[in-house]
N, C-alpha and C. Protein backbone atom coordinates (compact mmCIF):
# COMPACT_ATOMS: atom_id res chain seq x y z
N MET A 1 -54.02 -40.66 -128.56
CA MET A 1 -53.43 -40.05 -127.68
C MET A 1 -52.00 -40.55 -127.34
N LYS A 2 -51.48 -41.72 -128.02
CA LYS A 2 -50.20 -42.28 -127.77
C LYS A 2 -49.13 -41.21 -128.31
N LYS A 3 -49.41 -40.55 -129.26
CA LYS A 3 -48.46 -39.50 -129.75
C LYS A 3 -48.40 -38.33 -128.82
N LEU A 4 -49.49 -38.00 -128.16
CA LEU A 4 -49.49 -36.88 -127.17
C LEU A 4 -48.71 -37.46 -125.90
N ASP A 5 -48.84 -38.69 -125.39
CA ASP A 5 -48.17 -39.27 -124.39
C ASP A 5 -46.80 -39.23 -124.48
N ASP A 6 -46.39 -39.65 -125.73
CA ASP A 6 -44.92 -39.65 -126.17
C ASP A 6 -44.38 -38.28 -125.95
N GLN A 7 -45.08 -37.11 -126.44
CA GLN A 7 -44.78 -35.79 -126.26
C GLN A 7 -44.43 -35.48 -124.77
N ILE A 8 -45.58 -35.80 -124.00
CA ILE A 8 -45.31 -35.42 -122.56
C ILE A 8 -44.13 -36.01 -121.99
N THR A 9 -43.91 -37.31 -122.32
CA THR A 9 -42.56 -38.03 -121.82
C THR A 9 -41.30 -37.36 -122.27
N ARG A 10 -41.40 -37.00 -123.65
CA ARG A 10 -40.11 -36.35 -124.20
C ARG A 10 -39.92 -34.98 -123.47
N PHE A 11 -41.00 -34.22 -123.32
CA PHE A 11 -40.92 -32.90 -122.70
C PHE A 11 -40.57 -32.88 -121.11
N ARG A 12 -41.01 -34.05 -120.51
CA ARG A 12 -40.54 -34.20 -119.12
C ARG A 12 -39.06 -34.55 -119.02
N GLU A 13 -38.56 -35.39 -119.96
CA GLU A 13 -37.07 -35.65 -119.95
C GLU A 13 -36.30 -34.45 -120.42
N ASP A 14 -36.90 -33.54 -121.26
CA ASP A 14 -36.07 -32.52 -121.78
C ASP A 14 -36.01 -31.43 -120.48
N TYR A 15 -37.25 -31.27 -119.74
CA TYR A 15 -37.27 -30.48 -118.60
C TYR A 15 -36.08 -30.92 -117.62
N PHE A 16 -36.03 -32.06 -117.47
CA PHE A 16 -35.07 -32.77 -116.40
C PHE A 16 -33.58 -32.43 -116.98
N GLN A 17 -33.36 -32.58 -118.11
CA GLN A 17 -32.11 -32.31 -118.67
C GLN A 17 -31.67 -30.82 -118.51
N VAL A 18 -32.65 -30.11 -118.50
CA VAL A 18 -32.09 -28.65 -118.53
C VAL A 18 -32.31 -28.07 -117.13
N THR A 19 -32.97 -28.46 -116.35
CA THR A 19 -33.32 -28.05 -114.90
C THR A 19 -32.64 -28.82 -113.75
N GLY A 20 -32.73 -30.21 -114.07
CA GLY A 20 -32.34 -30.97 -113.11
C GLY A 20 -33.60 -31.54 -112.22
N GLY A 21 -34.80 -30.80 -112.42
CA GLY A 21 -35.92 -31.26 -111.62
C GLY A 21 -36.81 -32.13 -112.45
N ARG A 22 -37.57 -32.76 -111.62
CA ARG A 22 -38.56 -33.68 -112.37
C ARG A 22 -40.09 -33.02 -112.22
N ALA A 23 -40.66 -32.96 -113.50
CA ALA A 23 -42.02 -32.53 -113.45
C ALA A 23 -42.90 -33.64 -113.11
N LYS A 24 -44.11 -33.09 -112.44
CA LYS A 24 -45.11 -34.27 -112.03
C LYS A 24 -45.93 -34.51 -113.25
N GLY A 25 -46.31 -33.24 -114.03
CA GLY A 25 -47.07 -33.45 -115.15
C GLY A 25 -46.29 -32.83 -116.49
N PHE A 26 -46.77 -31.55 -116.82
CA PHE A 26 -46.12 -31.16 -117.96
C PHE A 26 -45.92 -29.72 -117.70
N VAL A 27 -44.71 -29.16 -117.82
CA VAL A 27 -44.32 -27.60 -117.55
C VAL A 27 -44.67 -26.92 -118.69
N CYS A 28 -45.70 -26.20 -118.53
CA CYS A 28 -46.13 -25.18 -119.67
C CYS A 28 -45.03 -24.24 -120.00
N PRO A 29 -44.66 -24.20 -121.29
CA PRO A 29 -43.55 -23.18 -121.53
C PRO A 29 -43.95 -21.67 -121.46
N ILE A 30 -45.25 -21.47 -121.43
CA ILE A 30 -45.79 -19.93 -121.24
C ILE A 30 -45.96 -19.68 -119.75
N THR A 31 -46.55 -20.36 -119.12
CA THR A 31 -46.77 -20.01 -117.57
C THR A 31 -45.72 -20.69 -116.58
N LEU A 32 -44.78 -21.49 -117.24
CA LEU A 32 -43.94 -22.14 -116.43
C LEU A 32 -44.46 -23.00 -115.22
N GLU A 33 -45.86 -23.29 -115.46
CA GLU A 33 -46.55 -24.14 -114.18
C GLU A 33 -46.44 -25.56 -114.59
N ASP A 34 -46.27 -26.29 -113.60
CA ASP A 34 -46.23 -27.88 -113.72
C ASP A 34 -47.73 -28.15 -113.64
N VAL A 35 -48.14 -28.49 -114.72
CA VAL A 35 -49.78 -28.83 -115.10
C VAL A 35 -50.03 -30.29 -114.95
N ALA A 36 -51.10 -30.56 -114.28
CA ALA A 36 -51.51 -32.03 -114.29
C ALA A 36 -51.88 -32.42 -115.75
N VAL A 37 -51.71 -33.66 -115.86
CA VAL A 37 -51.94 -34.12 -117.20
C VAL A 37 -53.48 -33.98 -117.66
N ASP A 38 -54.46 -34.09 -116.67
CA ASP A 38 -55.89 -33.90 -116.91
C ASP A 38 -56.23 -32.52 -117.27
N ARG A 39 -55.26 -31.67 -117.27
CA ARG A 39 -55.47 -30.25 -117.53
C ARG A 39 -54.83 -29.86 -118.82
N LEU A 40 -54.28 -30.91 -119.72
CA LEU A 40 -53.91 -30.60 -120.93
C LEU A 40 -54.68 -30.91 -122.12
N CYS A 41 -54.42 -30.48 -123.18
CA CYS A 41 -55.27 -30.80 -124.32
C CYS A 41 -54.35 -30.91 -125.61
N ALA A 42 -54.85 -31.46 -126.74
CA ALA A 42 -54.23 -31.54 -128.09
C ALA A 42 -54.50 -30.41 -128.77
N GLY A 43 -53.53 -29.26 -128.63
CA GLY A 43 -53.72 -28.20 -129.20
C GLY A 43 -53.24 -28.20 -130.75
N HIS A 44 -54.03 -27.47 -131.68
CA HIS A 44 -53.58 -27.45 -133.09
C HIS A 44 -52.44 -26.36 -133.10
N ILE A 45 -51.52 -26.66 -134.00
CA ILE A 45 -50.41 -25.79 -134.24
C ILE A 45 -50.89 -24.71 -135.24
N LEU A 46 -51.70 -24.98 -136.16
CA LEU A 46 -52.31 -23.98 -136.96
C LEU A 46 -53.80 -24.32 -137.04
N ASN A 47 -54.65 -23.09 -136.87
CA ASN A 47 -56.00 -23.40 -136.91
C ASN A 47 -56.52 -23.71 -138.20
N ASP A 48 -57.64 -24.75 -138.07
CA ASP A 48 -58.03 -25.29 -139.30
C ASP A 48 -58.69 -24.22 -140.21
N ALA A 49 -59.10 -23.07 -139.64
CA ALA A 49 -59.68 -21.91 -140.40
C ALA A 49 -58.73 -21.17 -141.32
N LEU A 50 -57.41 -21.49 -141.24
CA LEU A 50 -56.51 -20.95 -142.12
C LEU A 50 -56.54 -21.91 -143.30
N GLY A 51 -56.55 -21.33 -144.50
CA GLY A 51 -56.41 -21.95 -145.72
C GLY A 51 -55.74 -23.28 -145.96
N ALA A 52 -54.53 -23.42 -145.72
CA ALA A 52 -53.86 -24.64 -145.74
C ALA A 52 -53.17 -24.93 -144.63
N ALA A 53 -53.82 -25.14 -143.40
CA ALA A 53 -53.30 -25.13 -142.19
C ALA A 53 -52.80 -26.75 -142.00
N SER A 54 -51.70 -26.87 -141.22
CA SER A 54 -51.39 -28.27 -140.80
C SER A 54 -52.25 -28.73 -139.73
N SER A 55 -52.52 -29.98 -139.69
CA SER A 55 -53.57 -30.64 -138.83
C SER A 55 -52.99 -31.10 -137.68
N LYS A 56 -51.55 -31.05 -137.60
CA LYS A 56 -50.66 -31.54 -136.51
C LYS A 56 -51.16 -31.00 -135.16
N LYS A 57 -50.96 -31.84 -134.01
CA LYS A 57 -51.33 -31.45 -132.74
C LYS A 57 -50.08 -31.30 -131.91
N VAL A 58 -50.22 -30.52 -130.83
CA VAL A 58 -49.09 -30.63 -129.83
C VAL A 58 -49.79 -30.41 -128.47
N ILE A 59 -49.19 -31.06 -127.46
CA ILE A 59 -49.70 -31.05 -126.14
C ILE A 59 -49.62 -29.65 -125.60
N GLN A 60 -50.73 -29.18 -125.03
CA GLN A 60 -50.85 -27.80 -124.57
C GLN A 60 -51.59 -27.68 -123.28
N PHE A 61 -51.31 -26.62 -122.45
CA PHE A 61 -51.97 -26.51 -121.15
C PHE A 61 -53.40 -25.90 -121.50
N ARG A 62 -54.44 -26.51 -121.35
CA ARG A 62 -55.80 -26.25 -121.81
C ARG A 62 -56.10 -24.71 -121.64
N ASP A 63 -55.86 -24.23 -120.39
CA ASP A 63 -56.09 -22.86 -119.97
C ASP A 63 -55.74 -21.91 -121.04
N VAL A 64 -54.32 -22.21 -121.24
CA VAL A 64 -53.62 -21.01 -122.08
C VAL A 64 -54.24 -21.25 -123.56
N ASP A 65 -54.27 -22.36 -123.95
CA ASP A 65 -54.77 -22.88 -125.30
C ASP A 65 -56.23 -22.05 -125.45
N HIS A 66 -57.13 -22.32 -124.57
CA HIS A 66 -58.45 -21.61 -124.64
C HIS A 66 -58.30 -20.15 -124.67
N TYR A 67 -57.45 -19.45 -123.80
CA TYR A 67 -57.50 -18.12 -123.84
C TYR A 67 -56.90 -17.63 -125.12
N PHE A 68 -55.86 -18.00 -125.50
CA PHE A 68 -55.40 -17.56 -127.07
C PHE A 68 -56.35 -17.85 -128.06
N GLY A 69 -57.21 -18.99 -127.99
CA GLY A 69 -58.09 -19.41 -129.13
C GLY A 69 -59.40 -18.38 -128.96
N ALA A 70 -59.70 -17.72 -127.73
CA ALA A 70 -60.72 -16.80 -127.70
C ALA A 70 -60.38 -15.50 -127.85
N THR A 71 -59.11 -15.07 -127.42
CA THR A 71 -58.91 -13.61 -127.50
C THR A 71 -58.17 -13.20 -128.61
N ILE A 72 -57.07 -13.95 -128.93
CA ILE A 72 -56.00 -13.42 -130.06
C ILE A 72 -56.37 -14.07 -131.49
N GLU A 73 -56.53 -15.46 -131.29
CA GLU A 73 -56.60 -16.13 -132.64
C GLU A 73 -57.67 -15.73 -133.65
N PRO A 74 -59.07 -15.34 -133.29
CA PRO A 74 -59.94 -15.05 -134.32
C PRO A 74 -59.56 -13.90 -135.35
N ASP A 75 -58.84 -12.81 -134.51
CA ASP A 75 -58.36 -11.90 -135.22
C ASP A 75 -57.14 -12.07 -136.15
N LEU A 76 -56.24 -12.92 -135.58
CA LEU A 76 -55.17 -13.32 -136.42
C LEU A 76 -55.52 -14.10 -137.60
N ILE A 77 -56.60 -15.08 -137.32
CA ILE A 77 -56.98 -15.95 -138.58
C ILE A 77 -57.45 -14.87 -139.77
N GLU A 78 -58.27 -13.98 -139.14
CA GLU A 78 -58.99 -12.93 -140.27
C GLU A 78 -57.88 -12.34 -140.94
N PHE A 79 -56.76 -11.82 -140.19
CA PHE A 79 -55.78 -11.17 -140.84
C PHE A 79 -55.01 -11.96 -141.81
N LEU A 80 -54.62 -13.12 -141.61
CA LEU A 80 -53.90 -14.11 -142.21
C LEU A 80 -54.61 -14.61 -143.45
N ASN A 81 -56.00 -14.59 -143.35
CA ASN A 81 -57.05 -15.05 -144.59
C ASN A 81 -57.17 -13.85 -145.35
N PHE A 82 -56.89 -12.69 -145.15
CA PHE A 82 -57.48 -11.51 -145.80
C PHE A 82 -56.82 -11.41 -147.21
N PRO A 83 -55.51 -11.85 -147.48
CA PRO A 83 -55.21 -11.57 -148.88
C PRO A 83 -55.93 -12.66 -149.99
N LYS A 84 -56.59 -13.71 -149.23
CA LYS A 84 -57.39 -14.53 -150.22
C LYS A 84 -58.85 -14.33 -150.21
N MET A 85 -59.19 -13.25 -149.50
CA MET A 85 -60.63 -12.83 -149.61
C MET A 85 -60.93 -12.27 -150.80
N SER A 86 -62.16 -12.34 -151.34
CA SER A 86 -62.61 -11.60 -152.51
C SER A 86 -62.88 -9.99 -151.95
N VAL A 87 -63.07 -9.11 -152.84
CA VAL A 87 -63.27 -7.75 -152.50
C VAL A 87 -64.59 -7.74 -151.68
N GLU A 88 -65.53 -8.46 -152.17
CA GLU A 88 -66.82 -8.37 -151.27
C GLU A 88 -66.73 -8.82 -149.89
N GLU A 89 -66.04 -9.88 -149.76
CA GLU A 89 -65.71 -10.53 -148.42
C GLU A 89 -64.92 -9.45 -147.65
N ARG A 90 -64.10 -8.67 -148.16
CA ARG A 90 -63.14 -7.53 -147.39
C ARG A 90 -63.99 -6.54 -146.94
N LEU A 91 -64.98 -6.10 -147.92
CA LEU A 91 -65.88 -5.05 -147.60
C LEU A 91 -66.73 -5.43 -146.43
N ARG A 92 -67.30 -6.78 -146.41
CA ARG A 92 -68.30 -7.22 -145.53
C ARG A 92 -67.60 -7.31 -144.18
N LYS A 93 -66.22 -7.59 -144.08
CA LYS A 93 -65.47 -7.63 -142.75
C LYS A 93 -65.31 -6.17 -142.11
N ALA A 94 -65.06 -5.23 -142.94
CA ALA A 94 -64.80 -3.94 -142.50
C ALA A 94 -65.87 -3.37 -141.61
N LYS A 95 -65.51 -2.80 -140.53
CA LYS A 95 -66.42 -2.27 -139.71
C LYS A 95 -66.85 -0.78 -140.03
N ARG A 96 -66.04 0.10 -140.34
CA ARG A 96 -66.26 1.33 -140.93
C ARG A 96 -65.05 1.68 -141.90
N PHE A 97 -65.55 2.20 -142.91
CA PHE A 97 -64.47 2.76 -143.60
C PHE A 97 -65.01 3.97 -144.83
N SER A 98 -63.99 4.63 -145.06
CA SER A 98 -64.39 5.85 -145.93
C SER A 98 -63.45 5.86 -147.34
N ILE A 99 -63.95 6.73 -148.16
CA ILE A 99 -63.12 6.87 -149.37
C ILE A 99 -63.06 8.32 -149.71
N LYS A 100 -61.79 8.72 -150.27
CA LYS A 100 -61.62 10.17 -150.39
C LYS A 100 -61.83 10.25 -152.11
N LEU A 101 -62.74 11.27 -152.44
CA LEU A 101 -63.00 11.51 -153.80
C LEU A 101 -63.11 13.01 -154.02
N ASP A 102 -62.17 13.65 -154.84
CA ASP A 102 -62.08 14.91 -155.31
C ASP A 102 -61.97 15.79 -153.92
N GLY A 103 -61.00 15.38 -153.08
CA GLY A 103 -60.49 16.14 -151.91
C GLY A 103 -61.67 15.94 -150.78
N LYS A 104 -62.76 15.22 -150.93
CA LYS A 104 -63.75 15.08 -149.73
C LYS A 104 -63.55 13.71 -149.33
N THR A 105 -63.95 13.44 -147.99
CA THR A 105 -64.31 12.13 -147.59
C THR A 105 -65.58 11.78 -147.40
N TYR A 106 -65.84 10.39 -147.89
CA TYR A 106 -67.27 9.91 -147.65
C TYR A 106 -67.18 8.59 -146.88
N GLU A 107 -68.14 8.58 -146.15
CA GLU A 107 -68.42 7.16 -145.29
C GLU A 107 -69.10 6.40 -146.22
N VAL A 108 -68.68 4.94 -146.33
CA VAL A 108 -69.12 3.92 -147.07
C VAL A 108 -69.76 2.95 -146.26
N PHE A 109 -70.94 2.39 -146.94
CA PHE A 109 -71.63 1.36 -146.09
C PHE A 109 -72.01 0.33 -147.20
N ARG A 110 -72.22 -1.06 -146.89
CA ARG A 110 -72.65 -2.07 -147.78
C ARG A 110 -74.12 -1.86 -147.88
N ALA A 111 -74.50 -1.73 -149.11
CA ALA A 111 -75.99 -1.61 -149.30
C ALA A 111 -76.65 -2.90 -149.78
N GLY A 112 -77.56 -3.46 -148.82
CA GLY A 112 -78.21 -4.63 -149.16
C GLY A 112 -79.59 -4.40 -149.69
N PRO A 113 -80.43 -5.35 -149.80
CA PRO A 113 -81.76 -5.14 -150.43
C PRO A 113 -82.61 -4.04 -149.58
N ASP A 114 -82.53 -3.87 -148.39
CA ASP A 114 -83.21 -2.99 -147.53
C ASP A 114 -82.83 -1.63 -147.75
N ALA A 115 -81.49 -1.51 -148.11
CA ALA A 115 -80.94 -0.07 -148.62
C ALA A 115 -81.42 0.47 -149.95
N ALA A 116 -81.94 -0.55 -150.82
CA ALA A 116 -82.39 -0.07 -152.00
C ALA A 116 -83.87 0.68 -151.93
N LYS A 117 -84.54 0.15 -150.92
CA LYS A 117 -85.91 0.76 -150.72
C LYS A 117 -85.74 2.24 -150.32
N LYS A 118 -84.68 2.43 -149.39
CA LYS A 118 -84.54 3.72 -148.79
C LYS A 118 -83.76 4.79 -149.75
N PHE A 119 -82.76 4.28 -150.43
CA PHE A 119 -81.88 5.24 -151.30
C PHE A 119 -82.05 4.87 -152.64
N SER A 120 -82.21 5.69 -153.43
CA SER A 120 -82.43 5.52 -154.84
C SER A 120 -80.93 5.40 -155.53
N LYS A 121 -80.89 4.51 -156.71
CA LYS A 121 -79.69 4.39 -157.33
C LYS A 121 -79.52 5.51 -158.41
N SER A 122 -78.30 5.89 -158.38
CA SER A 122 -78.26 7.17 -159.39
C SER A 122 -77.03 6.77 -160.14
N ARG A 123 -76.93 7.04 -161.47
CA ARG A 123 -76.10 6.60 -162.40
C ARG A 123 -74.89 7.75 -162.43
N ASP A 124 -75.25 8.94 -161.91
CA ASP A 124 -74.65 10.31 -161.98
C ASP A 124 -74.13 10.45 -160.81
N CYS A 125 -73.01 9.90 -159.96
CA CYS A 125 -72.66 10.42 -158.57
C CYS A 125 -71.95 11.52 -158.52
N GLY A 126 -71.93 12.33 -159.60
CA GLY A 126 -71.21 13.74 -159.40
C GLY A 126 -72.16 14.84 -159.24
N SER A 127 -73.41 14.50 -159.38
CA SER A 127 -74.30 15.76 -159.25
C SER A 127 -75.16 15.65 -158.07
């Protein structure tokens, strides 16, 4: 935690240099709230779920970090990882999709073992 304590000290000094005021804790750059040190966390810069993410941490207001981690980050991670997914992984992630074939639009679904019992496989899709 020494590195994070050093960040808090440095950010407090930066805040004083810019505003002339002294922060009691840490001034969150998003909310501009002077946050008590016990409400801070070691936030990741890039989430570990990203392929080659940095493991560096930065001091963050816990409420803000958790809000973005729960609401925005999951979709962003999925979007950023999309180019590295296999075709099967991409199809599995799709909620609904369709294809156009010969001017007609068809809904597509991923068929698992249960679907094979209900739908027969046909080699001639045109008839």
